[in-house]
Amino acid sequence: MTQEKHVPHTDNNTKKEQLTFIQVMLSILASAFGVQTSQNRKRDFAKGNPLHFVISGILFTIIFVVGMIMLVNTILTNAT
């Protein structure tokens, strides 16, 4: 009886591809405005790093709120 050596299966496709910075930003923008496609949502969950989405979402929210405050202040100061 011969013993076979166990060789671990290495598949090049098993390594999880990371999303690019642009893909993360586009997903954040699309989801913020409610127009994210189902295909992109599935891609984000399959390939995305949750930490990247959380940090990007928080930064987007801060930039959006500060931008709205600045816009309203500019309009109010020019209106008087």
Protein backbone atom coordinates (compact mmCIF):
# COMPACT_ATOMS: atom_id res chain seq x y z
CA MET A 1 0.00 0.00 0.00
CA THR A 2 1.49 3.33 -1.04
CA GLN A 3 0.96 6.56 0.81
CA GLU A 4 0.10 9.64 -1.15
CA LYS A 5 1.41 12.97 -0.01
CA HIS A 6 -1.21 15.57 0.74
CA VAL A 7 -0.62 18.58 -1.45
CA PRO A 8 -2.72 21.60 -0.58
CA HIS A 9 -4.87 22.83 -3.41
CA THR A 10 -3.72 26.24 -4.59
CA ASP A 11 -6.11 28.08 -6.79
CA ASN A 12 -5.12 31.48 -8.12
CA ASN A 13 -8.76 32.56 -8.15
CA THR A 14 -9.27 32.02 -4.42
CA LYS A 15 -7.38 35.19 -3.53
CA LYS A 16 -9.93 37.90 -2.95
CA GLU A 17 -9.50 40.84 -5.32
CA GLN A 18 -9.71 44.22 -3.66
CA LEU A 19 -11.83 47.05 -4.97
CA THR A 20 -10.07 50.10 -6.31
CA PHE A 21 -10.33 53.49 -4.60
CA ILE A 22 -12.55 54.75 -7.44
CA GLN A 23 -14.90 51.76 -7.11
CA VAL A 24 -15.28 52.37 -3.37
CA MET A 25 -15.94 56.09 -3.90
CA LEU A 26 -18.51 55.42 -6.64
CA SER A 27 -20.26 52.87 -4.43
CA ILE A 28 -20.37 55.34 -1.53
CA LEU A 29 -21.82 58.07 -3.77
CA ALA A 30 -24.34 55.73 -5.40
CA SER A 31 -25.54 54.35 -2.09
CA ALA A 32 -25.77 57.85 -0.56
CA PHE A 33 -28.18 58.90 -3.29
CA GLY A 34 -30.00 55.54 -3.36
CA VAL A 35 -29.05 54.47 -6.87
CA GLN A 36 -26.68 51.57 -6.12
CA THR A 37 -27.24 48.64 -8.49
CA SER A 38 -27.76 45.15 -7.17
CA GLN A 39 -24.76 43.92 -9.14
CA ASN A 40 -22.45 46.53 -7.57
CA ARG A 41 -23.85 45.83 -4.10
CA LYS A 42 -23.07 42.13 -4.50
CA ARG A 43 -19.58 42.98 -5.78
CA ASP A 44 -18.99 45.27 -2.80
CA PHE A 45 -19.98 42.57 -0.31
CA ALA A 46 -17.92 39.92 -2.10
CA LYS A 47 -14.72 41.88 -2.75
CA GLY A 48 -14.85 44.94 -0.53
CA ASN A 49 -13.24 45.54 2.83
CA PRO A 50 -15.91 46.73 5.30
CA LEU A 51 -13.45 49.07 7.02
CA HIS A 52 -12.88 50.94 3.74
CA PHE A 53 -16.62 51.48 3.32
CA VAL A 54 -17.13 52.61 6.93
CA ILE A 55 -14.28 55.12 6.82
CA SER A 56 -15.29 56.38 3.36
CA GLY A 57 -18.92 56.71 4.44
CA ILE A 58 -18.01 58.69 7.55
CA LEU A 59 -15.72 60.99 5.55
CA PHE A 60 -18.38 61.49 2.87
CA THR A 61 -20.96 62.37 5.52
CA ILE A 62 -18.66 64.90 7.20
CA ILE A 63 -17.74 66.52 3.87
CA PHE A 64 -21.40 66.61 2.80
CA VAL A 65 -22.61 68.21 6.05
CA VAL A 66 -19.78 70.78 6.12
CA GLY A 67 -20.48 71.58 2.46
CA MET A 68 -24.18 72.12 3.17
CA ILE A 69 -23.39 74.37 6.15
CA MET A 70 -21.00 76.43 4.04
CA LEU A 71 -23.54 76.71 1.21
CA VAL A 72 -26.33 77.84 3.53
CA ASN A 73 -24.06 80.35 5.28
CA THR A 74 -22.94 81.76 1.93
CA ILE A 75 -26.52 82.12 0.73
CA LEU A 76 -27.65 83.72 3.99
CA THR A 77 -24.78 86.22 4.11
CA ASN A 78 -25.33 87.24 0.49
CA ALA A 79 -29.10 87.55 0.97
CA THR A 80 -28.83 90.39 3.47
